[in-house]
PDB file of N, CA and C in Angstrom:
ATOM      1  N   UNK A   1      25.140  41.456  30.612  1.00  0.00           N
ATOM      2  CA  UNK A   1      25.975  41.767  31.750  1.00  0.00           C
ATOM      3  C   UNK A   1      26.337  40.503  32.531  1.00  0.00           C
ATOM      4  N   UNK A   2      25.369  39.613  32.781  1.00  0.00           N
ATOM      5  CA  UNK A   2      25.630  38.387  33.522  1.00  0.00           C
ATOM      6  C   UNK A   2      26.546  37.456  32.728  1.00  0.00           C
ATOM      7  N   UNK A   3      26.351  37.420  31.421  1.00  0.00           N
ATOM      8  CA  UNK A   3      27.178  36.562  30.571  1.00  0.00           C
ATOM      9  C   UNK A   3      28.642  36.959  30.693  1.00  0.00           C
ATOM     10  N   UNK A   4      28.917  38.253  30.623  1.00  0.00           N
ATOM     11  CA  UNK A   4      30.286  38.737  30.719  1.00  0.00           C
ATOM     12  C   UNK A   4      30.885  38.466  32.093  1.00  0.00           C
ATOM     13  N   UNK A   5      30.077  38.605  33.129  1.00  0.00           N
ATOM     14  CA  UNK A   5      30.546  38.358  34.496  1.00  0.00           C
ATOM     15  C   UNK A   5      30.973  36.905  34.672  1.00  0.00           C
ATOM     16  N   UNK A   6      30.152  35.972  34.236  1.00  0.00           N
ATOM     17  CA  UNK A   6      30.473  34.547  34.344  1.00  0.00           C
ATOM     18  C   UNK A   6      31.707  34.226  33.497  1.00  0.00           C
ATOM     19  N   UNK A   7      31.788  34.835  32.320  1.00  0.00           N
ATOM     20  CA  UNK A   7      32.918  34.567  31.429  1.00  0.00           C
ATOM     21  C   UNK A   7      34.232  35.027  32.049  1.00  0.00           C
ATOM     22  N   UNK A   8      34.261  36.201  32.650  1.00  0.00           N
ATOM     23  CA  UNK A   8      35.480  36.719  33.276  1.00  0.00           C
ATOM     24  C   UNK A   8      35.904  35.830  34.439  1.00  0.00           C
ATOM     25  N   UNK A   9      34.956  35.430  35.264  1.00  0.00           N
ATOM     26  CA  UNK A   9      35.280  34.569  36.407  1.00  0.00           C
ATOM     27  C   UNK A   9      35.819  33.230  35.935  1.00  0.00           C
ATOM     28  N   UNK A  10      35.147  32.614  34.962  1.00  0.00           N
ATOM     29  CA  UNK A  10      35.549  31.295  34.481  1.00  0.00           C
ATOM     30  C   UNK A  10      36.927  31.326  33.818  1.00  0.00           C
ATOM     31  N   UNK A  11      37.176  32.345  33.022  1.00  0.00           N
ATOM     32  CA  UNK A  11      38.478  32.434  32.329  1.00  0.00           C
ATOM     33  C   UNK A  11      39.629  32.612  33.320  1.00  0.00           C
ATOM     34  N   UNK A  12      39.349  33.233  34.458  1.00  0.00           N
ATOM     35  CA  UNK A  12      40.384  33.412  35.473  1.00  0.00           C
ATOM     36  C   UNK A  12      40.692  32.102  36.200  1.00  0.00           C
ATOM     37  N   UNK A  13      39.753  31.176  36.203  1.00  0.00           N
ATOM     38  CA  UNK A  13      39.925  29.928  36.944  1.00  0.00           C
ATOM     39  C   UNK A  13      40.584  28.810  36.138  1.00  0.00           C
ATOM     40  N   UNK A  14      40.379  28.764  34.842  1.00  0.00           N
ATOM     41  CA  UNK A  14      40.754  27.594  34.044  1.00  0.00           C
ATOM     42  C   UNK A  14      42.144  27.720  33.416  1.00  0.00           C
ATOM     43  N   UNK A  15      42.666  26.565  32.960  1.00  0.00           N
ATOM     44  CA  UNK A  15      43.950  26.534  32.264  1.00  0.00           C
ATOM     45  C   UNK A  15      43.798  26.845  30.777  1.00  0.00           C
ATOM     46  N   UNK A  16      42.596  26.580  30.217  1.00  0.00           N
ATOM     47  CA  UNK A  16      42.327  26.800  28.797  1.00  0.00           C
ATOM     48  C   UNK A  16      41.237  27.862  28.626  1.00  0.00           C
ATOM     49  N   UNK A  17      41.577  29.133  28.817  1.00  0.00           N
ATOM     50  CA  UNK A  17      40.529  30.172  28.739  1.00  0.00           C
ATOM     51  C   UNK A  17      39.917  30.313  27.346  1.00  0.00           C
ATOM     52  N   UNK A  18      40.617  29.836  26.308  1.00  0.00           N
ATOM     53  CA  UNK A  18      40.059  29.927  24.951  1.00  0.00           C
ATOM     54  C   UNK A  18      38.867  29.002  24.762  1.00  0.00           C
ATOM     55  N   UNK A  19      38.758  27.969  25.598  1.00  0.00           N
ATOM     56  CA  UNK A  19      37.672  26.993  25.442  1.00  0.00           C
ATOM     57  C   UNK A  19      36.457  27.315  26.312  1.00  0.00           C
ATOM     58  N   UNK A  20      36.469  28.449  26.988  1.00  0.00           N
ATOM     59  CA  UNK A  20      35.325  28.852  27.799  1.00  0.00           C
ATOM     60  C   UNK A  20      34.244  29.423  26.881  1.00  0.00           C
ATOM     61  N   UNK A  21      33.043  28.842  26.961  1.00  0.00           N
ATOM     62  CA  UNK A  21      31.916  29.315  26.162  1.00  0.00           C
ATOM     63  C   UNK A  21      30.762  29.603  27.115  1.00  0.00           C
ATOM     64  N   UNK A  22      30.230  30.820  27.040  1.00  0.00           N
ATOM     65  CA  UNK A  22      29.118  31.217  27.895  1.00  0.00           C
ATOM     66  C   UNK A  22      27.976  31.658  27.001  1.00  0.00           C
ATOM     67  N   UNK A  23      26.799  31.063  27.215  1.00  0.00           N
ATOM     68  CA  UNK A  23      25.607  31.462  26.461  1.00  0.00           C
ATOM     69  C   UNK A  23      24.554  31.942  27.450  1.00  0.00           C
ATOM     70  N   UNK A  24      23.734  32.850  26.968  1.00  0.00           N
ATOM     71  CA  UNK A  24      22.695  33.440  27.817  1.00  0.00           C
ATOM     72  C   UNK A  24      21.370  33.388  27.090  1.00  0.00           C
ATOM     73  N   UNK A  25      20.338  32.867  27.753  1.00  0.00           N
ATOM     74  CA  UNK A  25      19.003  32.855  27.189  1.00  0.00           C
ATOM     75  C   UNK A  25      18.056  33.532  28.169  1.00  0.00           C
ATOM     76  N   UNK A  26      17.087  34.237  27.621  1.00  0.00           N
ATOM     77  CA  UNK A  26      16.154  34.979  28.447  1.00  0.00           C
ATOM     78  C   UNK A  26      14.734  34.505  28.142  1.00  0.00           C
ATOM     79  N   UNK A  27      13.970  34.242  29.200  1.00  0.00           N
ATOM     80  CA  UNK A  27      12.592  33.797  29.057  1.00  0.00           C
ATOM     81  C   UNK A  27      11.742  34.574  30.052  1.00  0.00           C
ATOM     82  N   UNK A  28      11.175  35.657  29.597  1.00  0.00           N
ATOM     83  CA  UNK A  28      10.365  36.484  30.481  1.00  0.00           C
ATOM     84  C   UNK A  28      11.223  37.131  31.558  1.00  0.00           C
ATOM     85  N   UNK A  29      10.957  36.767  32.823  1.00  0.00           N
ATOM     86  CA  UNK A  29      11.706  37.326  33.945  1.00  0.00           C
ATOM     87  C   UNK A  29      12.857  36.429  34.371  1.00  0.00           C
ATOM     88  N   UNK A  30      13.073  35.311  33.653  1.00  0.00           N
ATOM     89  CA  UNK A  30      14.140  34.377  33.978  1.00  0.00           C
ATOM     90  C   UNK A  30      15.291  34.514  33.000  1.00  0.00           C
ATOM     91  N   UNK A  31      16.489  34.457  33.531  1.00  0.00           N
ATOM     92  CA  UNK A  31      17.701  34.551  32.724  1.00  0.00           C
ATOM     93  C   UNK A  31      18.525  33.306  33.006  1.00  0.00           C
ATOM     94  N   UNK A  32      18.929  32.586  31.955  1.00  0.00           N
ATOM     95  CA  UNK A  32      19.713  31.365  32.119  1.00  0.00           C
ATOM     96  C   UNK A  32      21.082  31.563  31.482  1.00  0.00           C
ATOM     97  N   UNK A  33      22.121  31.356  32.279  1.00  0.00           N
ATOM     98  CA  UNK A  33      23.487  31.483  31.801  1.00  0.00           C
ATOM     99  C   UNK A  33      24.109  30.092  31.833  1.00  0.00           C
ATOM    100  N   UNK A  34      24.591  29.625  30.670  1.00  0.00           N
ATOM    101  CA  UNK A  34      25.206  28.306  30.575  1.00  0.00           C
ATOM    102  C   UNK A  34      26.707  28.481  30.383  1.00  0.00           C
ATOM    103  N   UNK A  35      27.473  27.760  31.182  1.00  0.00           N
ATOM    104  CA  UNK A  35      28.931  27.815  31.142  1.00  0.00           C
ATOM    105  C   UNK A  35      29.459  26.465  30.675  1.00  0.00           C
ATOM    106  N   UNK A  36      30.272  26.509  29.633  1.00  0.00           N
ATOM    107  CA  UNK A  36      30.890  25.286  29.112  1.00  0.00           C
ATOM    108  C   UNK A  36      32.394  25.496  29.094  1.00  0.00           C
ATOM    109  N   UNK A  37      33.134  24.549  29.696  1.00  0.00           N
ATOM    110  CA  UNK A  37      34.594  24.621  29.734  1.00  0.00           C
ATOM    111  C   UNK A  37      35.167  23.306  29.234  1.00  0.00           C
ATOM    112  N   UNK A  38      36.484  23.279  28.998  1.00  0.00           N
ATOM    113  CA  UNK A  38      37.148  22.044  28.597  1.00  0.00           C
ATOM    114  C   UNK A  38      36.977  21.000  29.707  1.00  0.00           C
ATOM    115  N   UNK A  39      36.915  19.730  29.320  1.00  0.00           N
ATOM    116  CA  UNK A  39      36.687  18.683  30.312  1.00  0.00           C
ATOM    117  C   UNK A  39      37.797  18.640  31.363  1.00  0.00           C
ATOM    118  N   UNK A  40      39.009  19.001  30.979  1.00  0.00           N
ATOM    119  CA  UNK A  40      40.128  19.018  31.931  1.00  0.00           C
ATOM    120  C   UNK A  40      39.952  20.117  32.983  1.00  0.00           C
ATOM    121  N   UNK A  41      39.212  21.167  32.650  1.00  0.00           N
ATOM    122  CA  UNK A  41      39.009  22.297  33.563  1.00  0.00           C
ATOM    123  C   UNK A  41      37.723  22.198  34.378  1.00  0.00           C
ATOM    124  N   UNK A  42      36.947  21.157  34.167  1.00  0.00           N
ATOM    125  CA  UNK A  42      35.656  21.042  34.851  1.00  0.00           C
ATOM    126  C   UNK A  42      35.817  21.071  36.370  1.00  0.00           C
ATOM    127  N   UNK A  43      36.824  20.372  36.876  1.00  0.00           N
ATOM    128  CA  UNK A  43      37.051  20.336  38.325  1.00  0.00           C
ATOM    129  C   UNK A  43      37.408  21.696  38.897  1.00  0.00           C
ATOM    130  N   UNK A  44      38.113  22.489  38.130  1.00  0.00           N
ATOM    131  CA  UNK A  44      38.509  23.821  38.595  1.00  0.00           C
ATOM    132  C   UNK A  44      37.302  24.748  38.704  1.00  0.00           C
ATOM    133  N   UNK A  45      36.336  24.570  37.827  1.00  0.00           N
ATOM    134  CA  UNK A  45      35.154  25.429  37.839  1.00  0.00           C
ATOM    135  C   UNK A  45      34.170  24.989  38.922  1.00  0.00           C
ATOM    136  N   UNK A  46      34.089  23.684  39.155  1.00  0.00           N
ATOM    137  CA  UNK A  46      33.150  23.183  40.157  1.00  0.00           C
ATOM    138  C   UNK A  46      33.760  23.278  41.561  1.00  0.00           C
ATOM    139  N   UNK A  47      35.012  22.897  41.713  1.00  0.00           N
ATOM    140  CA  UNK A  47      35.675  22.974  43.005  1.00  0.00           C
ATOM    141  C   UNK A  47      35.310  21.810  43.910  1.00  0.00           C
ATOM    142  N   UNK A  48      35.980  21.722  45.029  1.00  0.00           N
ATOM    143  CA  UNK A  48      35.701  20.653  45.987  1.00  0.00           C
ATOM    144  C   UNK A  48      34.318  20.828  46.575  1.00  0.00           C
ATOM    145  N   UNK A  49      33.538  19.763  46.493  1.00  0.00           N
ATOM    146  CA  UNK A  49      32.156  19.756  46.997  1.00  0.00           C
ATOM    147  C   UNK A  49      31.320  20.891  46.407  1.00  0.00           C
ATOM    148  N   UNK A  50      31.696  21.350  45.202  1.00  0.00           N
ATOM    149  CA  UNK A  50      30.921  22.370  44.514  1.00  0.00           C
ATOM    150  C   UNK A  50      31.081  23.774  45.068  1.00  0.00           C
ATOM    151  N   UNK A  51      32.131  24.006  45.825  1.00  0.00           N
ATOM    152  CA  UNK A  51      32.289  25.322  46.481  1.00  0.00           C
ATOM    153  C   UNK A  51      32.477  26.459  45.483  1.00  0.00           C
ATOM    154  N   UNK A  52      33.286  26.231  44.458  1.00  0.00           N
ATOM    155  CA  UNK A  52      33.545  27.309  43.498  1.00  0.00           C
ATOM    156  C   UNK A  52      32.292  27.577  42.663  1.00  0.00           C
ATOM    157  N   UNK A  53      31.604  26.512  42.247  1.00  0.00           N
ATOM    158  CA  UNK A  53      30.356  26.689  41.494  1.00  0.00           C
ATOM    159  C   UNK A  53      29.344  27.467  42.337  1.00  0.00           C
ATOM    160  N   UNK A  54      29.266  27.144  43.615  1.00  0.00           N
ATOM    161  CA  UNK A  54      28.345  27.850  44.507  1.00  0.00           C
ATOM    162  C   UNK A  54      28.741  29.320  44.642  1.00  0.00           C
ATOM    163  N   UNK A  55      30.058  29.582  44.708  1.00  0.00           N
ATOM    164  CA  UNK A  55      30.536  30.965  44.819  1.00  0.00           C
ATOM    165  C   UNK A  55      30.211  31.753  43.557  1.00  0.00           C
ATOM    166  N   UNK A  56      30.376  31.119  42.393  1.00  0.00           N
ATOM    167  CA  UNK A  56      30.033  31.794  41.120  1.00  0.00           C
ATOM    168  C   UNK A  56      28.554  32.151  41.116  1.00  0.00           C
ATOM    169  N   UNK A  57      27.729  31.201  41.528  1.00  0.00           N
ATOM    170  CA  UNK A  57      26.272  31.453  41.570  1.00  0.00           C
ATOM    171  C   UNK A  57      25.925  32.564  42.546  1.00  0.00           C
ATOM    172  N   UNK A  58      26.633  32.612  43.687  1.00  0.00           N
ATOM    173  CA  UNK A  58      26.384  33.670  44.671  1.00  0.00           C
ATOM    174  C   UNK A  58      26.728  35.053  44.130  1.00  0.00           C
ATOM    175  N   UNK A  59      27.847  35.147  43.438  1.00  0.00           N
ATOM    176  CA  UNK A  59      28.261  36.432  42.847  1.00  0.00           C
ATOM    177  C   UNK A  59      27.244  36.884  41.810  1.00  0.00           C
ATOM    178  N   UNK A  60      26.811  35.944  40.959  1.00  0.00           N
ATOM    179  CA  UNK A  60      25.835  36.276  39.917  1.00  0.00           C
ATOM    180  C   UNK A  60      24.498  36.682  40.540  1.00  0.00           C
ATOM    181  N   UNK A  61      24.097  35.978  41.593  1.00  0.00           N
ATOM    182  CA  UNK A  61      22.838  36.317  42.273  1.00  0.00           C
ATOM    183  C   UNK A  61      22.902  37.719  42.862  1.00  0.00           C
ATOM    184  N   UNK A  62      24.035  38.061  43.449  1.00  0.00           N
ATOM    185  CA  UNK A  62      24.191  39.411  44.012  1.00  0.00           C
ATOM    186  C   UNK A  62      24.139  40.464  42.915  1.00  0.00           C
ATOM    187  N   UNK A  63      24.780  40.187  41.775  1.00  0.00           N
ATOM    188  CA  UNK A  63      24.777  41.138  40.668  1.00  0.00           C
ATOM    189  C   UNK A  63      23.392  41.238  40.028  1.00  0.00           C
ATOM    190  N   UNK A  64      22.625  40.140  40.070  1.00  0.00           N
ATOM    191  CA  UNK A  64      21.313  40.135  39.416  1.00  0.00           C
ATOM    192  C   UNK A  64      20.276  40.929  40.212  1.00  0.00           C
ATOM    193  N   UNK A  65      20.567  41.245  41.452  1.00  0.00           N
ATOM    194  CA  UNK A  65      19.584  42.002  42.231  1.00  0.00           C
ATOM    195  C   UNK A  65      19.349  43.391  41.629  1.00  0.00           C
ATOM    196  N   UNK A  66      20.319  43.887  40.875  1.00  0.00           N
ATOM    197  CA  UNK A  66      20.172  45.200  40.235  1.00  0.00           C
ATOM    198  C   UNK A  66      19.266  45.149  39.011  1.00  0.00           C
ATOM    199  N   UNK A  67      19.236  43.989  38.304  1.00  0.00           N
ATOM    200  CA  UNK A  67      18.438  43.923  37.096  1.00  0.00           C
ATOM    201  C   UNK A  67      17.055  43.346  37.337  1.00  0.00           C
ATOM    202  N   UNK A  68      16.783  42.912  38.568  1.00  0.00           N
ATOM    203  CA  UNK A  68      15.459  42.422  38.964  1.00  0.00           C
ATOM    204  C   UNK A  68      14.996  41.256  38.104  1.00  0.00           C
ATOM    205  N   UNK A  69      15.874  40.284  37.893  1.00  0.00           N
ATOM    206  CA  UNK A  69      15.531  39.066  37.176  1.00  0.00           C
ATOM    207  C   UNK A  69      16.085  37.881  37.947  1.00  0.00           C
ATOM    208  N   UNK A  70      15.465  36.720  37.774  1.00  0.00           N
ATOM    209  CA  UNK A  70      15.973  35.504  38.386  1.00  0.00           C
ATOM    210  C   UNK A  70      17.011  34.910  37.438  1.00  0.00           C
ATOM    211  N   UNK A  71      18.238  34.763  37.904  1.00  0.00           N
ATOM    212  CA  UNK A  71      19.334  34.276  37.067  1.00  0.00           C
ATOM    213  C   UNK A  71      19.747  32.884  37.550  1.00  0.00           C
ATOM    214  N   UNK A  72      19.847  31.947  36.610  1.00  0.00           N
ATOM    215  CA  UNK A  72      20.296  30.588  36.887  1.00  0.00           C
ATOM    216  C   UNK A  72      21.597  30.352  36.144  1.00  0.00           C
ATOM    217  N   UNK A  73      22.598  29.829  36.838  1.00  0.00           N
ATOM    218  CA  UNK A  73      23.873  29.503  36.213  1.00  0.00           C
ATOM    219  C   UNK A  73      23.987  27.986  36.125  1.00  0.00           C
ATOM    220  N   UNK A  74      24.144  27.469  34.912  1.00  0.00           N
ATOM    221  CA  UNK A  74      24.299  26.039  34.685  1.00  0.00           C
ATOM    222  C   UNK A  74      25.685  25.770  34.144  1.00  0.00           C
ATOM    223  N   UNK A  75      26.342  24.760  34.706  1.00  0.00           N
ATOM    224  CA  UNK A  75      27.649  24.340  34.205  1.00  0.00           C
ATOM    225  C   UNK A  75      27.426  23.079  33.366  1.00  0.00           C
ATOM    226  N   UNK A  76      27.710  23.184  32.073  1.00  0.00           N
ATOM    227  CA  UNK A  76      27.446  22.112  31.118  1.00  0.00           C
ATOM    228  C   UNK A  76      28.724  21.330  30.842  1.00  0.00           C
ATOM    229  N   UNK A  77      28.588  20.004  30.823  1.00  0.00           N
ATOM    230  CA  UNK A  77      29.760  19.167  30.510  1.00  0.00           C
ATOM    231  C   UNK A  77      29.934  19.032  29.025  1.00  0.00           C
TER     232      UNK A  77
END
Protein backbone atom coordinates (compact mmCIF):
# COMPACT_ATOMS: atom_id res chain seq x y z
CA UNK A 1 0.00 0.00 0.00
CA UNK A 2 2.78 2.48 0.89
CA UNK A 3 4.72 1.60 -2.26
CA UNK A 4 1.74 2.44 -4.46
CA UNK A 5 1.08 5.68 -2.57
CA UNK A 6 4.65 6.94 -3.05
CA UNK A 7 4.61 5.84 -6.69
CA UNK A 8 1.40 7.75 -7.49
CA UNK A 9 2.67 10.93 -5.80
CA UNK A 10 6.09 10.76 -7.49
CA UNK A 11 4.68 10.08 -10.96
CA UNK A 12 2.43 13.13 -10.63
CA UNK A 13 5.42 15.36 -9.83
CA UNK A 14 8.03 14.35 -12.42
CA UNK A 15 8.48 14.92 -16.16
CA UNK A 16 9.58 11.29 -16.76
CA UNK A 17 7.03 9.11 -14.94
CA UNK A 18 8.32 5.99 -16.72
CA UNK A 19 11.63 6.29 -14.84
CA UNK A 20 10.05 6.30 -11.37
CA UNK A 21 11.05 3.16 -9.46
CA UNK A 22 9.72 2.44 -5.98
CA UNK A 23 10.90 -0.51 -3.89
CA UNK A 24 9.63 -1.61 -0.52
CA UNK A 25 11.43 -3.71 2.08
CA UNK A 26 10.03 -4.91 5.37
CA UNK A 27 12.05 -5.74 8.48
CA UNK A 28 9.89 -6.71 11.41
CA UNK A 29 7.86 -3.64 12.38
CA UNK A 30 9.83 -1.31 10.07
CA UNK A 31 8.90 -0.62 6.47
CA UNK A 32 11.38 1.08 4.11
CA UNK A 33 10.21 2.65 0.87
CA UNK A 34 12.92 3.71 -1.60
CA UNK A 35 12.11 6.17 -4.38
CA UNK A 36 14.34 6.48 -7.42
CA UNK A 37 13.68 9.03 -10.17
CA UNK A 38 15.57 10.35 -13.20
CA UNK A 39 18.39 12.73 -12.25
CA UNK A 40 16.64 15.57 -14.09
CA UNK A 41 13.55 15.08 -11.88
CA UNK A 42 15.41 14.91 -8.56
CA UNK A 43 14.78 18.59 -7.82
CA UNK A 44 11.06 18.23 -8.45
CA UNK A 45 10.77 15.39 -5.95
CA UNK A 46 12.88 17.07 -3.27
CA UNK A 47 11.60 20.63 -3.74
CA UNK A 48 13.01 23.85 -2.34
CA UNK A 49 14.65 23.23 1.02
CA UNK A 50 13.22 19.70 0.92
CA UNK A 51 9.62 20.82 1.26
CA UNK A 52 8.14 18.35 -1.22
CA UNK A 53 10.17 15.43 0.18
CA UNK A 54 8.96 16.38 3.66
CA UNK A 55 5.36 16.55 2.41
CA UNK A 56 5.65 13.09 0.83
CA UNK A 57 6.99 11.71 4.11
CA UNK A 58 4.15 13.39 6.04
CA UNK A 59 1.49 11.85 3.80
CA UNK A 60 3.09 8.40 4.10
CA UNK A 61 3.38 8.77 7.88
CA UNK A 62 -0.31 9.65 8.12
CA UNK A 63 -1.25 6.66 5.95
CA UNK A 64 1.02 4.35 7.95
CA UNK A 65 -0.87 5.02 11.18
CA UNK A 66 -3.50 2.55 9.94
CA UNK A 67 -1.02 -0.30 9.43
CA UNK A 68 0.79 0.26 12.74
CA UNK A 69 4.31 0.14 11.28
CA UNK A 70 7.15 2.63 11.19
CA UNK A 71 7.60 3.70 7.56
CA UNK A 72 10.75 5.40 6.25
CA UNK A 73 10.83 7.04 2.81
CA UNK A 74 14.27 7.33 1.20
CA UNK A 75 14.94 9.24 -2.01
CA UNK A 76 17.81 7.53 -3.84
CA UNK A 77 19.98 9.29 -6.42
